[in-house]
């Protein structure tokens, strides 16, 4: 496996792990699951504060909603596959940003 592919795989894993940790922490704190409905809370400051959270938590939320929809609503395979690809790409990008931030802070070699 090439170093670039290994780096991308590591970024993907870090992105999903970070998204899962954020949504689990939110659920423990707020006693309800996180979702894109946070943007419709009504108060502008609260919705504005939810944007950075959702940027990093979105891959987990997308996959959770997709898998629940596939089981409950019997969604087509193509829809589930497209959502998985989108969540994976989003996770890889947020994981890359997270790793770049750690490297810039000197916490990662």
PDB file of N, CA and C in Angstrom:
ATOM      1  N   UNK A   1       0.850  -1.169   0.000  1.00  0.00           N
ATOM      2  CA  UNK A   1       0.000   0.000   0.000  1.00  0.00           C
ATOM      3  C   UNK A   1       0.898   1.236   0.000  1.00  0.00           C
ATOM      4  N   UNK A   2       0.587   2.182  -0.859  1.00  0.00           N
ATOM      5  CA  UNK A   2       1.402   3.387  -0.968  1.00  0.00           C
ATOM      6  C   UNK A   2       1.197   4.284   0.252  1.00  0.00           C
ATOM      7  N   UNK A   3       2.172   5.124   0.533  1.00  0.00           N
ATOM      8  CA  UNK A   3       2.026   6.034   1.679  1.00  0.00           C
ATOM      9  C   UNK A   3       0.835   6.983   1.543  1.00  0.00           C
ATOM     10  N   UNK A   4       0.525   7.412   0.307  1.00  0.00           N
ATOM     11  CA  UNK A   4      -0.615   8.304   0.099  1.00  0.00           C
ATOM     12  C   UNK A   4      -1.929   7.604   0.407  1.00  0.00           C
ATOM     13  N   UNK A   5      -2.045   6.341  -0.021  1.00  0.00           N
ATOM     14  CA  UNK A   5      -3.262   5.579   0.252  1.00  0.00           C
ATOM     15  C   UNK A   5      -3.413   5.314   1.747  1.00  0.00           C
ATOM     16  N   UNK A   6      -2.318   5.015   2.406  1.00  0.00           N
ATOM     17  CA  UNK A   6      -2.354   4.785   3.846  1.00  0.00           C
ATOM     18  C   UNK A   6      -2.732   6.063   4.597  1.00  0.00           C
ATOM     19  N   UNK A   7      -2.220   7.196   4.141  1.00  0.00           N
ATOM     20  CA  UNK A   7      -2.573   8.477   4.753  1.00  0.00           C
ATOM     21  C   UNK A   7      -4.060   8.775   4.558  1.00  0.00           C
ATOM     22  N   UNK A   8      -4.588   8.499   3.363  1.00  0.00           N
ATOM     23  CA  UNK A   8      -6.015   8.727   3.105  1.00  0.00           C
ATOM     24  C   UNK A   8      -6.883   7.810   3.960  1.00  0.00           C
ATOM     25  N   UNK A   9      -6.470   6.554   4.102  1.00  0.00           N
ATOM     26  CA  UNK A   9      -7.210   5.605   4.934  1.00  0.00           C
ATOM     27  C   UNK A   9      -7.191   6.036   6.401  1.00  0.00           C
ATOM     28  N   UNK A  10      -6.049   6.524   6.859  1.00  0.00           N
ATOM     29  CA  UNK A  10      -5.941   7.009   8.232  1.00  0.00           C
ATOM     30  C   UNK A  10      -6.809   8.252   8.440  1.00  0.00           C
ATOM     31  N   UNK A  11      -6.832   9.145   7.462  1.00  0.00           N
ATOM     32  CA  UNK A  11      -7.683  10.342   7.547  1.00  0.00           C
ATOM     33  C   UNK A  11      -9.152   9.959   7.582  1.00  0.00           C
ATOM     34  N   UNK A  12      -9.532   8.978   6.786  1.00  0.00           N
ATOM     35  CA  UNK A  12     -10.914   8.488   6.773  1.00  0.00           C
ATOM     36  C   UNK A  12     -11.303   7.935   8.143  1.00  0.00           C
ATOM     37  N   UNK A  13     -10.433   7.112   8.714  1.00  0.00           N
ATOM     38  CA  UNK A  13     -10.718   6.521  10.023  1.00  0.00           C
ATOM     39  C   UNK A  13     -10.776   7.580  11.120  1.00  0.00           C
ATOM     40  N   UNK A  14      -9.845   8.517  11.096  1.00  0.00           N
ATOM     41  CA  UNK A  14      -9.833   9.595  12.092  1.00  0.00           C
ATOM     42  C   UNK A  14     -11.084  10.455  11.959  1.00  0.00           C
ATOM     43  N   UNK A  15     -11.504  10.724  10.723  1.00  0.00           N
ATOM     44  CA  UNK A  15     -12.700  11.537  10.500  1.00  0.00           C
ATOM     45  C   UNK A  15     -13.953  10.881  11.045  1.00  0.00           C
ATOM     46  N   UNK A  16     -14.119   9.574  10.792  1.00  0.00           N
ATOM     47  CA  UNK A  16     -15.282   8.867  11.324  1.00  0.00           C
ATOM     48  C   UNK A  16     -15.211   8.767  12.852  1.00  0.00           C
ATOM     49  N   UNK A  17     -14.021   8.517  13.391  1.00  0.00           N
ATOM     50  CA  UNK A  17     -13.884   8.416  14.844  1.00  0.00           C
ATOM     51  C   UNK A  17     -14.184   9.752  15.518  1.00  0.00           C
ATOM     52  N   UNK A  18     -13.699  10.838  14.933  1.00  0.00           N
ATOM     53  CA  UNK A  18     -13.947  12.168  15.489  1.00  0.00           C
ATOM     54  C   UNK A  18     -15.433  12.518  15.406  1.00  0.00           C
ATOM     55  N   UNK A  19     -16.062  12.178  14.275  1.00  0.00           N
ATOM     56  CA  UNK A  19     -17.498  12.434  14.120  1.00  0.00           C
ATOM     57  C   UNK A  19     -18.303  11.628  15.135  1.00  0.00           C
ATOM     58  N   UNK A  20     -17.940  10.376  15.330  1.00  0.00           N
ATOM     59  CA  UNK A  20     -18.636   9.541  16.311  1.00  0.00           C
ATOM     60  C   UNK A  20     -18.448  10.044  17.728  1.00  0.00           C
ATOM     61  N   UNK A  21     -17.241  10.499  18.039  1.00  0.00           N
ATOM     62  CA  UNK A  21     -16.987  11.032  19.381  1.00  0.00           C
ATOM     63  C   UNK A  21     -17.786  12.316  19.625  1.00  0.00           C
ATOM     64  N   UNK A  22     -17.847  13.173  18.624  1.00  0.00           N
ATOM     65  CA  UNK A  22     -18.623  14.412  18.772  1.00  0.00           C
ATOM     66  C   UNK A  22     -20.101  14.132  18.985  1.00  0.00           C
ATOM     67  N   UNK A  23     -20.676  13.255  18.166  1.00  0.00           N
ATOM     68  CA  UNK A  23     -22.109  12.993  18.296  1.00  0.00           C
ATOM     69  C   UNK A  23     -22.433  12.225  19.578  1.00  0.00           C
ATOM     70  N   UNK A  24     -21.542  11.354  20.003  1.00  0.00           N
ATOM     71  CA  UNK A  24     -21.771  10.651  21.269  1.00  0.00           C
ATOM     72  C   UNK A  24     -21.682  11.610  22.449  1.00  0.00           C
ATOM     73  N   UNK A  25     -20.734  12.529  22.387  1.00  0.00           N
ATOM     74  CA  UNK A  25     -20.626  13.537  23.437  1.00  0.00           C
ATOM     75  C   UNK A  25     -21.843  14.448  23.470  1.00  0.00           C
ATOM     76  N   UNK A  26     -22.328  14.823  22.291  1.00  0.00           N
ATOM     77  CA  UNK A  26     -23.534  15.660  22.232  1.00  0.00           C
ATOM     78  C   UNK A  26     -24.730  14.914  22.809  1.00  0.00           C
ATOM     79  N   UNK A  27     -24.856  13.637  22.464  1.00  0.00           N
ATOM     80  CA  UNK A  27     -25.990  12.857  22.951  1.00  0.00           C
ATOM     81  C   UNK A  27     -25.918  12.678  24.471  1.00  0.00           C
ATOM     82  N   UNK A  28     -24.726  12.492  25.007  1.00  0.00           N
ATOM     83  CA  UNK A  28     -24.578  12.374  26.463  1.00  0.00           C
ATOM     84  C   UNK A  28     -24.897  13.702  27.158  1.00  0.00           C
ATOM     85  N   UNK A  29     -24.519  14.809  26.519  1.00  0.00           N
ATOM     86  CA  UNK A  29     -24.739  16.122  27.116  1.00  0.00           C
ATOM     87  C   UNK A  29     -26.192  16.579  26.986  1.00  0.00           C
ATOM     88  N   UNK A  30     -26.786  16.392  25.813  1.00  0.00           N
ATOM     89  CA  UNK A  30     -28.124  16.931  25.543  1.00  0.00           C
ATOM     90  C   UNK A  30     -29.246  15.906  25.717  1.00  0.00           C
ATOM     91  N   UNK A  31     -28.919  14.652  25.934  1.00  0.00           N
ATOM     92  CA  UNK A  31     -29.898  13.567  26.100  1.00  0.00           C
ATOM     93  C   UNK A  31     -30.803  13.391  24.879  1.00  0.00           C
ATOM     94  N   UNK A  32     -30.289  13.710  23.715  1.00  0.00           N
ATOM     95  CA  UNK A  32     -30.984  13.465  22.446  1.00  0.00           C
ATOM     96  C   UNK A  32     -29.926  13.350  21.362  1.00  0.00           C
ATOM     97  N   UNK A  33     -30.226  12.595  20.319  1.00  0.00           N
ATOM     98  CA  UNK A  33     -29.215  12.432  19.267  1.00  0.00           C
ATOM     99  C   UNK A  33     -29.032  13.719  18.456  1.00  0.00           C
ATOM    100  N   UNK A  34     -27.821  13.911  17.988  1.00  0.00           N
ATOM    101  CA  UNK A  34     -27.523  15.068  17.152  1.00  0.00           C
ATOM    102  C   UNK A  34     -28.093  14.845  15.761  1.00  0.00           C
ATOM    103  N   UNK A  35     -28.471  15.911  15.112  1.00  0.00           N
ATOM    104  CA  UNK A  35     -29.000  15.836  13.758  1.00  0.00           C
ATOM    105  C   UNK A  35     -28.920  17.183  13.076  1.00  0.00           C
ATOM    106  N   UNK A  36     -29.282  17.181  11.805  1.00  0.00           N
ATOM    107  CA  UNK A  36     -29.237  18.423  11.046  1.00  0.00           C
ATOM    108  C   UNK A  36     -30.352  19.385  11.455  1.00  0.00           C
ATOM    109  N   UNK A  37     -31.277  18.943  12.273  1.00  0.00           N
ATOM    110  CA  UNK A  37     -32.319  19.811  12.801  1.00  0.00           C
ATOM    111  C   UNK A  37     -31.777  20.868  13.748  1.00  0.00           C
ATOM    112  N   UNK A  38     -30.526  20.741  14.153  1.00  0.00           N
ATOM    113  CA  UNK A  38     -29.912  21.768  15.002  1.00  0.00           C
ATOM    114  C   UNK A  38     -29.852  23.118  14.291  1.00  0.00           C
ATOM    115  N   UNK A  39     -29.858  23.091  12.965  1.00  0.00           N
ATOM    116  CA  UNK A  39     -29.822  24.337  12.211  1.00  0.00           C
ATOM    117  C   UNK A  39     -31.164  25.060  12.238  1.00  0.00           C
ATOM    118  N   UNK A  40     -32.220  24.362  12.620  1.00  0.00           N
ATOM    119  CA  UNK A  40     -33.565  24.939  12.652  1.00  0.00           C
ATOM    120  C   UNK A  40     -34.024  25.233  14.073  1.00  0.00           C
ATOM    121  N   UNK A  41     -33.115  25.504  14.969  1.00  0.00           N
ATOM    122  CA  UNK A  41     -33.457  25.742  16.370  1.00  0.00           C
ATOM    123  C   UNK A  41     -34.177  27.065  16.574  1.00  0.00           C
ATOM    124  N   UNK A  42     -34.082  27.986  15.644  1.00  0.00           N
ATOM    125  CA  UNK A  42     -34.799  29.245  15.765  1.00  0.00           C
ATOM    126  C   UNK A  42     -33.906  30.408  16.139  1.00  0.00           C
ATOM    127  N   UNK A  43     -33.149  30.288  17.204  1.00  0.00           N
ATOM    128  CA  UNK A  43     -32.261  31.362  17.631  1.00  0.00           C
ATOM    129  C   UNK A  43     -31.049  31.373  16.700  1.00  0.00           C
ATOM    130  N   UNK A  44     -30.738  32.524  16.158  1.00  0.00           N
ATOM    131  CA  UNK A  44     -29.673  32.618  15.165  1.00  0.00           C
ATOM    132  C   UNK A  44     -28.316  32.237  15.758  1.00  0.00           C
ATOM    133  N   UNK A  45     -28.019  32.683  16.958  1.00  0.00           N
ATOM    134  CA  UNK A  45     -26.719  32.385  17.564  1.00  0.00           C
ATOM    135  C   UNK A  45     -26.559  30.883  17.811  1.00  0.00           C
ATOM    136  N   UNK A  46     -27.633  30.232  18.222  1.00  0.00           N
ATOM    137  CA  UNK A  46     -27.574  28.797  18.487  1.00  0.00           C
ATOM    138  C   UNK A  46     -27.376  28.011  17.188  1.00  0.00           C
ATOM    139  N   UNK A  47     -28.082  28.404  16.139  1.00  0.00           N
ATOM    140  CA  UNK A  47     -27.929  27.741  14.847  1.00  0.00           C
ATOM    141  C   UNK A  47     -26.551  28.021  14.259  1.00  0.00           C
ATOM    142  N   UNK A  48     -26.050  29.227  14.451  1.00  0.00           N
ATOM    143  CA  UNK A  48     -24.720  29.579  13.957  1.00  0.00           C
ATOM    144  C   UNK A  48     -23.642  28.775  14.676  1.00  0.00           C
ATOM    145  N   UNK A  49     -23.819  28.533  15.970  1.00  0.00           N
ATOM    146  CA  UNK A  49     -22.856  27.736  16.734  1.00  0.00           C
ATOM    147  C   UNK A  49     -22.910  26.263  16.350  1.00  0.00           C
ATOM    148  N   UNK A  50     -24.033  25.812  15.806  1.00  0.00           N
ATOM    149  CA  UNK A  50     -24.167  24.408  15.418  1.00  0.00           C
ATOM    150  C   UNK A  50     -23.430  24.090  14.128  1.00  0.00           C
ATOM    151  N   UNK A  51     -23.120  25.090  13.332  1.00  0.00           N
ATOM    152  CA  UNK A  51     -22.473  24.847  12.038  1.00  0.00           C
ATOM    153  C   UNK A  51     -21.105  24.173  12.180  1.00  0.00           C
ATOM    154  N   UNK A  52     -20.169  24.693  13.008  1.00  0.00           N
ATOM    155  CA  UNK A  52     -18.877  23.990  13.132  1.00  0.00           C
ATOM    156  C   UNK A  52     -19.032  22.579  13.692  1.00  0.00           C
ATOM    157  N   UNK A  53     -19.960  22.399  14.607  1.00  0.00           N
ATOM    158  CA  UNK A  53     -20.205  21.056  15.145  1.00  0.00           C
ATOM    159  C   UNK A  53     -20.670  20.123  14.041  1.00  0.00           C
ATOM    160  N   UNK A  54     -21.624  20.567  13.231  1.00  0.00           N
ATOM    161  CA  UNK A  54     -22.163  19.719  12.173  1.00  0.00           C
ATOM    162  C   UNK A  54     -21.165  19.468  11.058  1.00  0.00           C
ATOM    163  N   UNK A  55     -20.241  20.368  10.832  1.00  0.00           N
ATOM    164  CA  UNK A  55     -19.217  20.157   9.808  1.00  0.00           C
ATOM    165  C   UNK A  55     -18.405  18.905  10.127  1.00  0.00           C
ATOM    166  N   UNK A  56     -18.078  18.710  11.388  1.00  0.00           N
ATOM    167  CA  UNK A  56     -17.269  17.556  11.760  1.00  0.00           C
ATOM    168  C   UNK A  56     -18.102  16.343  12.155  1.00  0.00           C
ATOM    169  N   UNK A  57     -19.328  16.529  12.585  1.00  0.00           N
ATOM    170  CA  UNK A  57     -20.182  15.414  13.005  1.00  0.00           C
ATOM    171  C   UNK A  57     -21.015  14.841  11.862  1.00  0.00           C
ATOM    172  N   UNK A  58     -21.059  15.517  10.734  1.00  0.00           N
ATOM    173  CA  UNK A  58     -21.938  15.128   9.625  1.00  0.00           C
ATOM    174  C   UNK A  58     -21.720  13.702   9.110  1.00  0.00           C
ATOM    175  N   UNK A  59     -20.492  13.191   8.967  1.00  0.00           N
ATOM    176  CA  UNK A  59     -20.359  11.821   8.449  1.00  0.00           C
ATOM    177  C   UNK A  59     -21.086  10.782   9.301  1.00  0.00           C
ATOM    178  N   UNK A  60     -20.999  10.923  10.598  1.00  0.00           N
ATOM    179  CA  UNK A  60     -21.694   9.975  11.483  1.00  0.00           C
ATOM    180  C   UNK A  60     -23.204  10.135  11.372  1.00  0.00           C
ATOM    181  N   UNK A  61     -23.672  11.383  11.326  1.00  0.00           N
ATOM    182  CA  UNK A  61     -25.116  11.632  11.230  1.00  0.00           C
ATOM    183  C   UNK A  61     -25.660  11.112   9.903  1.00  0.00           C
ATOM    184  N   UNK A  62     -24.932  11.340   8.820  1.00  0.00           N
ATOM    185  CA  UNK A  62     -25.362  10.851   7.509  1.00  0.00           C
ATOM    186  C   UNK A  62     -25.459   9.332   7.506  1.00  0.00           C
ATOM    187  N   UNK A  63     -24.453   8.661   8.034  1.00  0.00           N
ATOM    188  CA  UNK A  63     -24.467   7.191   8.035  1.00  0.00           C
ATOM    189  C   UNK A  63     -25.554   6.646   8.960  1.00  0.00           C
ATOM    190  N   UNK A  64     -25.742   7.273  10.117  1.00  0.00           N
ATOM    191  CA  UNK A  64     -26.791   6.818  11.027  1.00  0.00           C
ATOM    192  C   UNK A  64     -28.157   6.947  10.374  1.00  0.00           C
ATOM    193  N   UNK A  65     -28.429   8.102   9.775  1.00  0.00           N
ATOM    194  CA  UNK A  65     -29.718   8.312   9.123  1.00  0.00           C
ATOM    195  C   UNK A  65     -29.893   7.395   7.917  1.00  0.00           C
ATOM    196  N   UNK A  66     -28.833   7.157   7.167  1.00  0.00           N
ATOM    197  CA  UNK A  66     -28.908   6.291   5.989  1.00  0.00           C
ATOM    198  C   UNK A  66     -29.190   4.857   6.380  1.00  0.00           C
ATOM    199  N   UNK A  67     -28.483   4.356   7.372  1.00  0.00           N
ATOM    200  CA  UNK A  67     -28.688   2.965   7.780  1.00  0.00           C
ATOM    201  C   UNK A  67     -30.053   2.761   8.425  1.00  0.00           C
ATOM    202  N   UNK A  68     -30.522   3.744   9.193  1.00  0.00           N
ATOM    203  CA  UNK A  68     -31.877   3.639   9.742  1.00  0.00           C
ATOM    204  C   UNK A  68     -32.920   3.701   8.632  1.00  0.00           C
ATOM    205  N   UNK A  69     -32.697   4.575   7.654  1.00  0.00           N
ATOM    206  CA  UNK A  69     -33.623   4.679   6.530  1.00  0.00           C
ATOM    207  C   UNK A  69     -33.634   3.434   5.668  1.00  0.00           C
ATOM    208  N   UNK A  70     -32.481   2.794   5.530  1.00  0.00           N
ATOM    209  CA  UNK A  70     -32.420   1.566   4.744  1.00  0.00           C
ATOM    210  C   UNK A  70     -33.184   0.440   5.425  1.00  0.00           C
ATOM    211  N   UNK A  71     -33.142   0.435   6.756  1.00  0.00           N
ATOM    212  CA  UNK A  71     -33.835  -0.627   7.493  1.00  0.00           C
ATOM    213  C   UNK A  71     -35.329  -0.349   7.616  1.00  0.00           C
ATOM    214  N   UNK A  72     -35.690   0.882   7.931  1.00  0.00           N
ATOM    215  CA  UNK A  72     -37.088   1.224   8.206  1.00  0.00           C
ATOM    216  C   UNK A  72     -37.854   1.516   6.915  1.00  0.00           C
ATOM    217  N   UNK A  73     -37.297   2.364   6.064  1.00  0.00           N
ATOM    218  CA  UNK A  73     -38.010   2.799   4.862  1.00  0.00           C
ATOM    219  C   UNK A  73     -37.719   1.944   3.634  1.00  0.00           C
ATOM    220  N   UNK A  74     -36.834   0.961   3.783  1.00  0.00           N
ATOM    221  CA  UNK A  74     -36.462   0.078   2.669  1.00  0.00           C
ATOM    222  C   UNK A  74     -35.936   0.881   1.488  1.00  0.00           C
ATOM    223  N   UNK A  75     -34.984   1.769   1.754  1.00  0.00           N
ATOM    224  CA  UNK A  75     -34.392   2.586   0.695  1.00  0.00           C
ATOM    225  C   UNK A  75     -33.597   1.718  -0.263  1.00  0.00           C
ATOM    226  N   UNK A  76     -33.483   2.186  -1.485  1.00  0.00           N
ATOM    227  CA  UNK A  76     -32.785   1.439  -2.509  1.00  0.00           C
ATOM    228  C   UNK A  76     -31.290   1.403  -2.232  1.00  0.00           C
ATOM    229  N   UNK A  77     -30.650   0.365  -2.756  1.00  0.00           N
ATOM    230  CA  UNK A  77     -29.214   0.168  -2.569  1.00  0.00           C
ATOM    231  C   UNK A  77     -28.414   1.348  -3.120  1.00  0.00           C
ATOM    232  N   UNK A  78     -28.829   1.888  -4.257  1.00  0.00           N
ATOM    233  CA  UNK A  78     -28.104   2.982  -4.878  1.00  0.00           C
ATOM    234  C   UNK A  78     -28.064   4.218  -3.987  1.00  0.00           C
ATOM    235  N   UNK A  79     -29.181   4.488  -3.312  1.00  0.00           N
ATOM    236  CA  UNK A  79     -29.233   5.635  -2.413  1.00  0.00           C
ATOM    237  C   UNK A  79     -28.299   5.433  -1.223  1.00  0.00           C
ATOM    238  N   UNK A  80     -28.316   4.227  -0.671  1.00  0.00           N
ATOM    239  CA  UNK A  80     -27.458   3.923   0.476  1.00  0.00           C
ATOM    240  C   UNK A  80     -25.982   4.000   0.069  1.00  0.00           C
ATOM    241  N   UNK A  81     -25.664   3.501  -1.108  1.00  0.00           N
ATOM    242  CA  UNK A  81     -24.277   3.530  -1.574  1.00  0.00           C
ATOM    243  C   UNK A  81     -23.806   4.964  -1.812  1.00  0.00           C
ATOM    244  N   UNK A  82     -24.644   5.791  -2.414  1.00  0.00           N
ATOM    245  CA  UNK A  82     -24.274   7.187  -2.660  1.00  0.00           C
ATOM    246  C   UNK A  82     -24.081   7.941  -1.343  1.00  0.00           C
ATOM    247  N   UNK A  83     -24.950   7.716  -0.376  1.00  0.00           N
ATOM    248  CA  UNK A  83     -24.803   8.369   0.929  1.00  0.00           C
ATOM    249  C   UNK A  83     -23.531   7.904   1.632  1.00  0.00           C
ATOM    250  N   UNK A  84     -23.180   6.633   1.466  1.00  0.00           N
ATOM    251  CA  UNK A  84     -21.956   6.106   2.067  1.00  0.00           C
ATOM    252  C   UNK A  84     -20.725   6.753   1.442  1.00  0.00           C
ATOM    253  N   UNK A  85     -20.738   6.925   0.134  1.00  0.00           N
ATOM    254  CA  UNK A  85     -19.614   7.568  -0.544  1.00  0.00           C
ATOM    255  C   UNK A  85     -19.484   9.026  -0.101  1.00  0.00           C
ATOM    256  N   UNK A  86     -20.600   9.727  -0.015  1.00  0.00           N
ATOM    257  CA  UNK A  86     -20.575  11.127   0.422  1.00  0.00           C
ATOM    258  C   UNK A  86     -20.059  11.233   1.854  1.00  0.00           C
ATOM    259  N   UNK A  87     -20.561  10.383   2.743  1.00  0.00           N
ATOM    260  CA  UNK A  87     -20.107  10.411   4.137  1.00  0.00           C
ATOM    261  C   UNK A  87     -18.630  10.036   4.245  1.00  0.00           C
ATOM    262  N   UNK A  88     -18.183   9.085   3.444  1.00  0.00           N
ATOM    263  CA  UNK A  88     -16.771   8.696   3.470  1.00  0.00           C
ATOM    264  C   UNK A  88     -15.865   9.815   2.990  1.00  0.00           C
ATOM    265  N   UNK A  89     -16.251  10.478   1.895  1.00  0.00           N
ATOM    266  CA  UNK A  89     -15.447  11.592   1.400  1.00  0.00           C
ATOM    267  C   UNK A  89     -15.420  12.734   2.404  1.00  0.00           C
ATOM    268  N   UNK A  90     -16.585  13.034   2.977  1.00  0.00           N
ATOM    269  CA  UNK A  90     -16.675  14.098   3.981  1.00  0.00           C
ATOM    270  C   UNK A  90     -15.802  13.743   5.192  1.00  0.00           C
ATOM    271  N   UNK A  91     -15.845  12.490   5.600  1.00  0.00           N
ATOM    272  CA  UNK A  91     -15.044  12.047   6.724  1.00  0.00           C
ATOM    273  C   UNK A  91     -13.552  12.158   6.422  1.00  0.00           C
ATOM    274  N   UNK A  92     -13.169  11.804   5.204  1.00  0.00           N
ATOM    275  CA  UNK A  92     -11.755  11.901   4.834  1.00  0.00           C
ATOM    276  C   UNK A  92     -11.292  13.356   4.850  1.00  0.00           C
ATOM    277  N   UNK A  93     -12.131  14.269   4.386  1.00  0.00           N
ATOM    278  CA  UNK A  93     -11.756  15.683   4.377  1.00  0.00           C
ATOM    279  C   UNK A  93     -11.675  16.251   5.798  1.00  0.00           C
ATOM    280  N   UNK A  94     -12.638  15.908   6.650  1.00  0.00           N
ATOM    281  CA  UNK A  94     -12.583  16.419   8.026  1.00  0.00           C
ATOM    282  C   UNK A  94     -11.445  15.763   8.800  1.00  0.00           C
ATOM    283  N   UNK A  95     -11.153  14.499   8.528  1.00  0.00           N
ATOM    284  CA  UNK A  95     -10.008  13.842   9.158  1.00  0.00           C
ATOM    285  C   UNK A  95      -8.696  14.451   8.711  1.00  0.00           C
ATOM    286  N   UNK A  96      -8.598  14.808   7.425  1.00  0.00           N
ATOM    287  CA  UNK A  96      -7.400  15.473   6.921  1.00  0.00           C
ATOM    288  C   UNK A  96      -7.215  16.822   7.599  1.00  0.00           C
ATOM    289  N   UNK A  97      -8.287  17.579   7.739  1.00  0.00           N
ATOM    290  CA  UNK A  97      -8.206  18.869   8.422  1.00  0.00           C
ATOM    291  C   UNK A  97      -7.787  18.684   9.877  1.00  0.00           C
ATOM    292  N   UNK A  98      -8.353  17.695  10.542  1.00  0.00           N
ATOM    293  CA  UNK A  98      -8.021  17.432  11.945  1.00  0.00           C
ATOM    294  C   UNK A  98      -6.550  17.057  12.089  1.00  0.00           C
ATOM    295  N   UNK A  99      -6.037  16.197  11.197  1.00  0.00           N
ATOM    296  CA  UNK A  99      -4.627  15.807  11.259  1.00  0.00           C
ATOM    297  C   UNK A  99      -3.703  16.978  10.928  1.00  0.00           C
ATOM    298  N   UNK A 100      -4.100  17.814   9.968  1.00  0.00           N
ATOM    299  CA  UNK A 100      -3.292  18.987   9.643  1.00  0.00           C
ATOM    300  C   UNK A 100      -3.243  19.961  10.817  1.00  0.00           C
ATOM    301  N   UNK A 101      -4.349  20.081  11.539  1.00  0.00           N
ATOM    302  CA  UNK A 101      -4.379  20.944  12.717  1.00  0.00           C
ATOM    303  C   UNK A 101      -3.460  20.405  13.808  1.00  0.00           C
ATOM    304  N   UNK A 102      -3.481  19.093  14.004  1.00  0.00           N
ATOM    305  CA  UNK A 102      -2.583  18.485  15.000  1.00  0.00           C
ATOM    306  C   UNK A 102      -1.119  18.667  14.609  1.00  0.00           C
ATOM    307  N   UNK A 103      -0.816  18.512  13.309  1.00  0.00           N
ATOM    308  CA  UNK A 103       0.560  18.713  12.851  1.00  0.00           C
ATOM    309  C   UNK A 103       0.982  20.172  13.018  1.00  0.00           C
ATOM    310  N   UNK A 104       0.107  21.109  12.706  1.00  0.00           N
ATOM    311  CA  UNK A 104       0.446  22.529  12.842  1.00  0.00           C
ATOM    312  C   UNK A 104       0.667  22.915  14.300  1.00  0.00           C
ATOM    313  N   UNK A 105      -0.057  22.247  15.204  1.00  0.00           N
ATOM    314  CA  UNK A 105       0.106  22.534  16.628  1.00  0.00           C
ATOM    315  C   UNK A 105       1.323  21.831  17.219  1.00  0.00           C
ATOM    316  N   UNK A 106       1.971  20.980  16.437  1.00  0.00           N
ATOM    317  CA  UNK A 106       3.147  20.270  16.908  1.00  0.00           C
ATOM    318  C   UNK A 106       2.841  19.057  17.749  1.00  0.00           C
ATOM    319  N   UNK A 107       1.595  18.595  17.737  1.00  0.00           N
ATOM    320  CA  UNK A 107       1.216  17.432  18.531  1.00  0.00           C
ATOM    321  C   UNK A 107       1.366  16.122  17.776  1.00  0.00           C
ATOM    322  N   UNK A 108       1.615  16.216  16.475  1.00  0.00           N
ATOM    323  CA  UNK A 108       1.759  15.032  15.629  1.00  0.00           C
ATOM    324  C   UNK A 108       2.966  15.259  14.737  1.00  0.00           C
ATOM    325  N   UNK A 109       3.776  14.244  14.637  1.00  0.00           N
ATOM    326  CA  UNK A 109       5.012  14.380  13.834  1.00  0.00           C
ATOM    327  C   UNK A 109       4.735  14.322  12.360  1.00  0.00           C
TER     328      UNK A 109
END
